[in-house]
Amino acid sequence: MTALTADTAHPADPAGVRTADRPAPAPIPMGRLAKVELRKMFDTRSGFWLMASIVILAVLATAATVVFAPDSAITYESFASAIGFPMAVILPIIAILSVTGEWSQRNGLTTFTLVPSRGRVIAAKALVSVAVAVVSMVVAAGVGVLGNLLGSAVNGTDAVWDVSATALAQIFLANVLGLLVGFMLGVVIRSSAPAIVAYFVYSALLPTVFGMLAAFQEWFADLQPWVDFNYAQTALFDETMTGEQWVQLGVTGIVWLVLPTAYGVWRVLRSEVK
């Protein structure tokens, strides 16, 4: 009776090795998770061309500025503005597709079976999305530098560098915040098409509504910088930000970005993956 109890307390597998003696497998390193998420961004044709479109549109915007802008407008600010618009549209979509792919493409069961810790997967997606955004903006800024030099040479004028390092850093921050808004919508909605539509409603329709309300309601004009995240971000494109503007950006960022992201991640951690 005693021998039977001892054997059942330590069941053995078919190879004769006791399962209780097996060491727990080491967790997958975050670096490997990030590499996998980065590769998933480029694996599909749509993902590859979405990434490639950043460089393509930057080159097209630079060429259009060189060809059509008057001599007085051949400045680095003109090239940065021309490149910045497509970047502001594409980067949030990249973040949305990175998050919603697990549900839209129905590979969530595979991903979360191999890596049961969903929080680490979401963190890897966020890390890779921000890294892609930063690298893309560096490449786009470099294209703008070449465009400014080329445009000045073609028009026979001196190159004008009218964007300071501080202003360029603030533009980078504004684009990263826009990408994080897309990431937030991805974790909250978890479906590609509705999340993309929601982003355009947030970035195009909502500022128009808030702007009209501020134009006709004086009380809201003073309140808008404290409740409108888009409006608070526009100050990042100015040369310098005041202390009050940084506080307004932080307050609106908590309301529109941090809290919804926390709620979305909480839902991802608790929801059933089908």
Protein backbone atom coordinates (compact mmCIF):
# COMPACT_ATOMS: atom_id res chain seq x y z
CA MET A 1 0.00 0.00 0.00
CA THR A 2 2.83 2.34 0.81
CA ALA A 3 4.65 1.58 -2.47
CA LEU A 4 1.47 2.22 -4.47
CA THR A 5 1.01 5.62 -2.82
CA ALA A 6 4.61 6.62 -3.59
CA ASP A 7 4.25 5.67 -7.25
CA THR A 8 0.99 7.57 -7.73
CA ALA A 9 2.43 10.64 -6.02
CA HIS A 10 5.09 10.93 -8.75
CA PRO A 11 3.50 9.80 -12.03
CA ALA A 12 5.99 8.89 -14.74
CA ASP A 13 5.76 9.64 -18.44
CA PRO A 14 6.16 6.84 -21.07
CA ALA A 15 9.93 7.43 -21.20
CA GLY A 16 10.19 6.72 -17.49
CA VAL A 17 10.98 10.30 -16.43
CA ARG A 18 8.97 11.69 -13.56
CA THR A 19 7.06 14.80 -14.62
CA ALA A 20 7.55 16.37 -11.19
CA ASP A 21 11.31 16.39 -11.79
CA ARG A 22 11.14 18.27 -15.11
CA PRO A 23 12.39 21.88 -14.91
CA ALA A 24 9.99 24.61 -15.97
CA PRO A 25 10.84 25.98 -19.43
CA ALA A 26 12.43 29.42 -19.49
CA PRO A 27 10.16 32.23 -20.70
CA ILE A 28 10.66 33.45 -24.25
CA PRO A 29 12.92 36.54 -24.16
CA MET A 30 11.31 39.88 -24.98
CA GLY A 31 13.87 40.40 -27.74
CA ARG A 32 12.69 37.26 -29.52
CA LEU A 33 9.06 38.30 -29.15
CA ALA A 34 9.89 41.69 -30.65
CA LYS A 35 11.66 40.04 -33.61
CA VAL A 36 8.63 37.83 -34.25
CA GLU A 37 6.24 40.78 -34.11
CA LEU A 38 8.48 42.77 -36.43
CA ARG A 39 8.60 39.91 -38.92
CA LYS A 40 4.81 39.57 -38.78
CA MET A 41 4.53 43.21 -39.88
CA PHE A 42 6.39 42.42 -43.12
CA ASP A 43 5.25 38.83 -43.77
CA THR A 44 2.11 39.69 -45.76
CA ARG A 45 2.08 41.63 -49.03
CA SER A 46 -0.25 44.23 -47.53
CA GLY A 47 2.06 44.69 -44.54
CA PHE A 48 5.14 44.94 -46.72
CA TRP A 49 3.65 47.55 -49.04
CA LEU A 50 2.23 49.50 -46.13
CA MET A 51 5.74 49.77 -44.74
CA ALA A 52 7.20 50.54 -48.15
CA SER A 53 4.59 53.24 -48.71
CA ILE A 54 6.25 55.35 -45.99
CA VAL A 55 9.43 55.67 -48.05
CA ILE A 56 7.54 55.89 -51.36
CA LEU A 57 5.27 58.69 -50.18
CA ALA A 58 8.19 60.54 -48.59
CA VAL A 59 10.03 60.47 -51.92
CA LEU A 60 6.91 61.53 -53.85
CA ALA A 61 6.17 64.39 -51.42
CA THR A 62 9.79 65.55 -51.67
CA ALA A 63 9.74 65.42 -55.47
CA ALA A 64 6.45 67.34 -55.60
CA THR A 65 7.88 70.04 -53.35
CA VAL A 66 10.99 70.39 -55.52
CA VAL A 67 8.94 70.59 -58.73
CA PHE A 68 5.95 72.70 -57.72
CA ALA A 69 7.02 74.84 -54.75
CA PRO A 70 8.23 78.40 -55.48
CA ASP A 71 11.84 79.30 -54.77
CA SER A 72 10.90 81.02 -51.51
CA ALA A 73 9.29 77.80 -50.25
CA ILE A 74 12.34 75.60 -50.79
CA THR A 75 13.12 75.23 -47.10
CA TYR A 76 13.48 72.22 -44.84
CA GLU A 77 10.21 73.14 -43.13
CA SER A 78 8.36 72.78 -46.44
CA PHE A 79 9.80 69.31 -47.00
CA ALA A 80 9.10 68.28 -43.39
CA SER A 81 5.47 69.43 -43.69
CA ALA A 82 5.00 67.64 -47.04
CA ILE A 83 6.40 64.39 -45.65
CA GLY A 84 4.66 64.71 -42.29
CA PHE A 85 1.10 64.40 -43.59
CA PRO A 86 1.36 60.86 -45.08
CA MET A 87 3.41 59.79 -42.05
CA ALA A 88 0.64 60.96 -39.70
CA VAL A 89 -1.87 58.83 -41.62
CA ILE A 90 0.15 55.65 -42.16
CA LEU A 91 1.85 55.18 -38.78
CA PRO A 92 -1.39 54.78 -36.74
CA ILE A 93 -2.69 52.27 -39.30
CA ILE A 94 0.50 50.24 -38.88
CA ALA A 95 -0.08 50.13 -35.11
CA ILE A 96 -3.74 49.18 -35.57
CA LEU A 97 -2.93 46.28 -37.91
CA SER A 98 -0.15 45.09 -35.62
CA VAL A 99 -2.59 44.68 -32.73
CA THR A 100 -5.74 43.54 -34.52
CA GLY A 101 -3.96 40.92 -36.62
CA GLU A 102 -4.29 38.37 -33.82
CA TRP A 103 -8.07 38.63 -34.04
CA SER A 104 -8.73 39.69 -37.64
CA GLN A 105 -6.47 36.97 -39.09
CA ARG A 106 -7.52 34.43 -36.44
CA ASN A 107 -4.00 33.52 -35.35
CA GLY A 108 -4.55 34.55 -31.74
CA LEU A 109 -4.94 30.95 -30.59
CA THR A 110 -1.49 30.11 -31.97
CA THR A 111 0.16 33.23 -30.58
CA PHE A 112 -1.31 33.01 -27.08
CA THR A 113 -0.74 29.25 -26.88
CA LEU A 114 2.95 29.65 -27.61
CA VAL A 115 3.16 32.71 -25.33
CA PRO A 116 0.42 32.44 -22.67
CA SER A 117 1.41 35.78 -21.14
CA ARG A 118 -0.71 38.07 -23.30
CA GLY A 119 0.68 41.16 -21.61
CA ARG A 120 4.18 40.38 -22.92
CA VAL A 121 2.84 39.95 -26.45
CA ILE A 122 1.01 43.29 -26.30
CA ALA A 123 4.13 44.95 -24.87
CA ALA A 124 6.23 43.52 -27.72
CA LYS A 125 3.72 44.85 -30.27
CA ALA A 126 3.85 48.31 -28.69
CA LEU A 127 7.64 48.29 -28.56
CA VAL A 128 7.98 47.25 -32.21
CA SER A 129 5.35 49.73 -33.38
CA VAL A 130 7.15 52.64 -31.72
CA ALA A 131 10.51 51.43 -33.05
CA VAL A 132 9.13 51.23 -36.60
CA ALA A 133 7.68 54.73 -36.22
CA VAL A 134 10.98 56.21 -35.03
CA VAL A 135 13.01 54.51 -37.78
CA SER A 136 10.46 55.55 -40.40
CA MET A 137 10.59 59.17 -39.26
CA VAL A 138 14.39 59.15 -39.30
CA VAL A 139 14.33 57.83 -42.88
CA ALA A 140 11.70 60.40 -43.87
CA ALA A 141 13.72 63.20 -42.26
CA GLY A 142 16.75 62.06 -44.22
CA VAL A 143 14.73 62.12 -47.45
CA GLY A 144 13.70 65.66 -46.55
CA VAL A 145 17.33 66.66 -46.09
CA LEU A 146 18.20 65.30 -49.54
CA GLY A 147 15.18 67.04 -51.02
CA ASN A 148 16.16 70.36 -49.50
CA LEU A 149 19.70 70.06 -50.85
CA LEU A 150 18.46 68.98 -54.28
CA GLY A 151 15.78 71.67 -54.43
CA SER A 152 18.26 74.38 -53.48
CA ALA A 153 20.73 73.15 -56.11
CA VAL A 154 18.07 73.01 -58.85
CA ASN A 155 16.79 76.51 -58.06
CA GLY A 156 20.24 77.99 -57.49
CA THR A 157 19.45 79.15 -53.95
CA ASP A 158 21.07 78.53 -50.59
CA ALA A 159 19.69 75.66 -48.51
CA VAL A 160 17.49 76.94 -45.69
CA TRP A 161 17.44 74.88 -42.48
CA ASP A 162 14.58 76.50 -40.58
CA VAL A 163 13.64 73.56 -38.33
CA SER A 164 15.56 73.37 -35.07
CA ALA A 165 16.48 70.14 -33.31
CA THR A 166 13.88 70.90 -30.63
CA ALA A 167 11.15 71.41 -33.19
CA LEU A 168 12.15 68.20 -34.99
CA ALA A 169 12.05 66.26 -31.72
CA GLN A 170 8.56 67.62 -31.00
CA ILE A 171 7.41 66.55 -34.48
CA PHE A 172 8.76 63.06 -33.76
CA LEU A 173 6.86 63.02 -30.47
CA ALA A 174 3.64 64.15 -32.16
CA ASN A 175 3.88 61.30 -34.69
CA VAL A 176 4.63 58.75 -31.96
CA LEU A 177 1.58 59.94 -30.00
CA GLY A 178 -0.53 59.58 -33.15
CA LEU A 179 0.76 56.03 -33.57
CA LEU A 180 -0.06 55.25 -29.93
CA VAL A 181 -3.62 56.48 -30.50
CA GLY A 182 -3.88 53.91 -33.28
CA PHE A 183 -2.43 51.28 -30.93
CA MET A 184 -5.02 52.25 -28.30
CA LEU A 185 -7.90 51.86 -30.77
CA GLY A 186 -6.47 48.50 -31.80
CA VAL A 187 -6.48 47.04 -28.29
CA VAL A 188 -9.91 48.53 -27.50
CA ILE A 189 -11.73 47.47 -30.69
CA ARG A 190 -9.56 44.50 -31.81
CA SER A 191 -10.88 44.54 -35.37
CA SER A 192 -8.95 46.15 -38.22
CA ALA A 193 -11.66 47.88 -40.26
CA PRO A 194 -13.67 49.36 -37.35
CA ALA A 195 -10.46 50.50 -35.62
CA ILE A 196 -9.23 52.28 -38.79
CA VAL A 197 -12.62 53.96 -39.23
CA ALA A 198 -12.57 54.99 -35.58
CA TYR A 199 -9.12 56.52 -36.05
CA PHE A 200 -10.28 58.69 -38.96
CA VAL A 201 -13.33 59.75 -36.95
CA TYR A 202 -11.03 60.66 -34.07
CA SER A 203 -8.41 62.45 -36.17
CA ALA A 204 -10.65 64.16 -38.77
CA LEU A 205 -14.25 64.44 -37.60
CA LEU A 206 -13.77 65.04 -33.88
CA PRO A 207 -11.38 68.02 -34.27
CA THR A 208 -13.89 69.63 -36.65
CA VAL A 209 -16.70 69.22 -34.12
CA PHE A 210 -14.55 70.57 -31.29
CA GLY A 211 -13.37 73.46 -33.48
CA MET A 212 -16.93 74.49 -34.37
CA LEU A 213 -17.98 74.23 -30.73
CA ALA A 214 -15.04 76.42 -29.67
CA ALA A 215 -15.88 78.96 -32.39
CA PHE A 216 -19.50 79.38 -31.26
CA GLN A 217 -19.21 78.72 -27.52
CA GLU A 218 -16.79 80.96 -25.67
CA TRP A 219 -16.79 78.77 -22.57
CA PHE A 220 -15.52 75.81 -24.63
CA ALA A 221 -12.81 77.87 -26.34
CA ASP A 222 -11.01 78.17 -23.00
CA LEU A 223 -11.71 74.55 -22.13
CA GLN A 224 -10.67 72.99 -25.44
CA PRO A 225 -6.90 72.74 -24.75
CA TRP A 226 -7.71 70.73 -21.61
CA VAL A 227 -10.12 68.24 -23.21
CA ASP A 228 -9.06 67.96 -26.88
CA PHE A 229 -6.00 65.73 -27.35
CA ASN A 230 -5.68 66.62 -31.04
CA TYR A 231 -5.70 70.32 -30.22
CA ALA A 232 -3.09 69.85 -27.49
CA GLN A 233 -0.84 67.96 -29.92
CA THR A 234 -0.88 70.79 -32.49
CA ALA A 235 1.29 72.82 -30.11
CA LEU A 236 4.05 70.23 -30.69
CA PHE A 237 4.44 71.57 -34.21
CA ASP A 238 5.29 75.04 -32.87
CA GLU A 239 8.88 76.04 -32.25
CA THR A 240 8.63 75.78 -28.46
CA MET A 241 6.01 74.58 -26.00
CA THR A 242 5.13 76.47 -22.84
CA GLY A 243 4.84 74.76 -19.48
CA GLU A 244 1.04 75.11 -19.58
CA GLN A 245 0.91 73.46 -23.00
CA TRP A 246 2.92 70.50 -21.72
CA VAL A 247 0.48 70.13 -18.82
CA GLN A 248 -2.49 70.30 -21.23
CA LEU A 249 -0.87 67.63 -23.39
CA GLY A 250 -0.36 65.42 -20.33
CA VAL A 251 -3.94 65.86 -19.05
CA THR A 252 -5.58 65.18 -22.41
CA GLY A 253 -3.16 62.31 -23.04
CA ILE A 254 -4.23 60.60 -19.82
CA VAL A 255 -7.92 60.95 -20.74
CA TRP A 256 -7.71 60.04 -24.43
CA LEU A 257 -4.72 57.68 -24.51
CA VAL A 258 -3.57 56.23 -21.19
CA LEU A 259 -6.95 55.30 -19.67
CA PRO A 260 -8.44 53.78 -22.86
CA THR A 261 -5.22 51.85 -23.47
CA ALA A 262 -5.30 50.45 -19.93
CA TYR A 263 -8.94 49.44 -20.42
CA GLY A 264 -8.16 47.82 -23.78
CA VAL A 265 -5.21 45.85 -22.39
CA TRP A 266 -7.37 44.73 -19.46
CA ARG A 267 -9.97 43.42 -21.92
CA VAL A 268 -7.30 41.65 -23.98
CA LEU A 269 -5.96 39.92 -20.86
CA ARG A 270 -9.40 38.71 -19.79
CA SER A 271 -11.25 38.03 -23.04
CA GLU A 272 -11.65 34.62 -24.63
CA VAL A 273 -9.60 34.07 -27.78
CA LYS A 274 -11.53 32.25 -30.49
